[in-house]
């Protein structure tokens, strides 16, 4: 019985230390920076995929014409 209680106390101490470590201000700032970088990379990938796939829709519908016009404007402004 005392053996189980010792294991429980050790587990609680370990959990308390991990909680204090994860609530550290420096760790939270670092985690926020990496979280933001992940969002930026993800949004850039999604925007790139949309930029290259939507003009392939074609001239057949209103969405295709609109996207094609936007793509042409972007391409003209690059030079």
C-alpha atoms as a PDB file:
ATOM      1  CA  UNK A   1       0.000   0.000   0.000  1.00  0.00           C
ATOM      2  CA  UNK A   2       2.778   2.428   0.892  1.00  0.00           C
ATOM      3  CA  UNK A   3       4.529   1.493  -2.343  1.00  0.00           C
ATOM      4  CA  UNK A   4       1.543   2.644  -4.407  1.00  0.00           C
ATOM      5  CA  UNK A   5       1.329   5.864  -2.432  1.00  0.00           C
ATOM      6  CA  UNK A   6       5.027   6.565  -3.082  1.00  0.00           C
ATOM      7  CA  UNK A   7       4.490   6.007  -6.816  1.00  0.00           C
ATOM      8  CA  UNK A   8       1.488   8.327  -6.728  1.00  0.00           C
ATOM      9  CA  UNK A   9       3.434  11.039  -4.880  1.00  0.00           C
ATOM     10  CA  UNK A  10       6.321  10.773  -7.373  1.00  0.00           C
ATOM     11  CA  UNK A  11       3.905  10.969 -10.304  1.00  0.00           C
ATOM     12  CA  UNK A  12       2.226  14.050  -8.821  1.00  0.00           C
ATOM     13  CA  UNK A  13       5.613  15.705  -8.223  1.00  0.00           C
ATOM     14  CA  UNK A  14       6.673  14.974 -11.798  1.00  0.00           C
ATOM     15  CA  UNK A  15       3.391  16.389 -13.110  1.00  0.00           C
ATOM     16  CA  UNK A  16       3.788  19.514 -10.956  1.00  0.00           C
ATOM     17  CA  UNK A  17       7.311  20.102 -12.277  1.00  0.00           C
ATOM     18  CA  UNK A  18       6.153  19.624 -15.875  1.00  0.00           C
ATOM     19  CA  UNK A  19       3.299  22.076 -15.329  1.00  0.00           C
ATOM     20  CA  UNK A  20       5.613  24.718 -13.894  1.00  0.00           C
ATOM     21  CA  UNK A  21       8.046  24.200 -16.766  1.00  0.00           C
ATOM     22  CA  UNK A  22       5.322  24.558 -19.419  1.00  0.00           C
ATOM     23  CA  UNK A  23       3.926  27.717 -17.773  1.00  0.00           C
ATOM     24  CA  UNK A  24       7.296  29.452 -17.975  1.00  0.00           C
ATOM     25  CA  UNK A  25       7.038  32.817 -19.761  1.00  0.00           C
ATOM     26  CA  UNK A  26      10.067  32.172 -21.969  1.00  0.00           C
ATOM     27  CA  UNK A  27       8.665  28.825 -23.073  1.00  0.00           C
ATOM     28  CA  UNK A  28       5.284  30.375 -23.813  1.00  0.00           C
ATOM     29  CA  UNK A  29       6.880  33.111 -25.963  1.00  0.00           C
ATOM     30  CA  UNK A  30       8.959  30.570 -27.874  1.00  0.00           C
ATOM     31  CA  UNK A  31       5.921  28.361 -28.412  1.00  0.00           C
ATOM     32  CA  UNK A  32       3.930  31.361 -29.662  1.00  0.00           C
ATOM     33  CA  UNK A  33       6.660  32.295 -32.141  1.00  0.00           C
ATOM     34  CA  UNK A  34       6.796  28.798 -33.592  1.00  0.00           C
ATOM     35  CA  UNK A  35       3.010  28.609 -33.672  1.00  0.00           C
ATOM     36  CA  UNK A  36       2.903  31.855 -35.666  1.00  0.00           C
ATOM     37  CA  UNK A  37       5.596  30.658 -38.058  1.00  0.00           C
ATOM     38  CA  UNK A  38       3.585  27.486 -38.629  1.00  0.00           C
ATOM     39  CA  UNK A  39       0.473  29.494 -39.452  1.00  0.00           C
ATOM     40  CA  UNK A  40       2.404  31.717 -41.878  1.00  0.00           C
ATOM     41  CA  UNK A  41       3.917  28.743 -43.696  1.00  0.00           C
ATOM     42  CA  UNK A  42       0.577  26.952 -43.832  1.00  0.00           C
ATOM     43  CA  UNK A  43      -1.287  29.969 -45.176  1.00  0.00           C
ATOM     44  CA  UNK A  44       1.442  30.597 -47.748  1.00  0.00           C
ATOM     45  CA  UNK A  45       1.139  27.010 -48.989  1.00  0.00           C
ATOM     46  CA  UNK A  46      -2.638  27.235 -49.194  1.00  0.00           C
ATOM     47  CA  UNK A  47      -2.486  30.593 -51.004  1.00  0.00           C
ATOM     48  CA  UNK A  48       0.052  29.171 -53.474  1.00  0.00           C
ATOM     49  CA  UNK A  49      -2.114  26.154 -54.188  1.00  0.00           C
ATOM     50  CA  UNK A  50      -5.162  28.345 -54.684  1.00  0.00           C
ATOM     51  CA  UNK A  51      -3.200  30.734 -56.923  1.00  0.00           C
ATOM     52  CA  UNK A  52      -2.091  27.930 -59.225  1.00  0.00           C
ATOM     53  CA  UNK A  53      -5.228  25.778 -59.239  1.00  0.00           C
ATOM     54  CA  UNK A  54      -8.051  28.317 -59.538  1.00  0.00           C
ATOM     55  CA  UNK A  55      -6.946  29.736 -62.916  1.00  0.00           C
ATOM     56  CA  UNK A  56      -7.167  26.184 -64.248  1.00  0.00           C
ATOM     57  CA  UNK A  57     -10.923  26.335 -63.760  1.00  0.00           C
ATOM     58  CA  UNK A  58     -11.115  28.071 -67.115  1.00  0.00           C
ATOM     59  CA  UNK A  59     -13.153  30.704 -68.815  1.00  0.00           C
ATOM     60  CA  UNK A  60     -16.382  28.696 -68.683  1.00  0.00           C
ATOM     61  CA  UNK A  61     -17.878  30.162 -65.537  1.00  0.00           C
ATOM     62  CA  UNK A  62     -17.943  33.433 -63.599  1.00  0.00           C
ATOM     63  CA  UNK A  63     -15.543  32.190 -60.922  1.00  0.00           C
ATOM     64  CA  UNK A  64     -13.054  31.073 -63.558  1.00  0.00           C
ATOM     65  CA  UNK A  65     -13.187  34.443 -65.340  1.00  0.00           C
ATOM     66  CA  UNK A  66     -12.785  36.317 -62.058  1.00  0.00           C
ATOM     67  CA  UNK A  67      -9.815  34.223 -60.933  1.00  0.00           C
ATOM     68  CA  UNK A  68      -8.223  34.437 -64.369  1.00  0.00           C
ATOM     69  CA  UNK A  69      -8.537  38.238 -64.302  1.00  0.00           C
ATOM     70  CA  UNK A  70      -6.976  38.420 -60.829  1.00  0.00           C
ATOM     71  CA  UNK A  71      -4.131  36.129 -61.928  1.00  0.00           C
ATOM     72  CA  UNK A  72      -3.470  38.333 -64.962  1.00  0.00           C
ATOM     73  CA  UNK A  73      -3.392  41.466 -62.797  1.00  0.00           C
ATOM     74  CA  UNK A  74      -0.930  39.840 -60.407  1.00  0.00           C
ATOM     75  CA  UNK A  75       1.285  38.658 -63.254  1.00  0.00           C
ATOM     76  CA  UNK A  76       1.328  42.119 -64.863  1.00  0.00           C
ATOM     77  CA  UNK A  77       2.281  43.786 -61.577  1.00  0.00           C
ATOM     78  CA  UNK A  78       5.258  41.472 -61.095  1.00  0.00           C
ATOM     79  CA  UNK A  79       7.270  43.129 -63.869  1.00  0.00           C
END
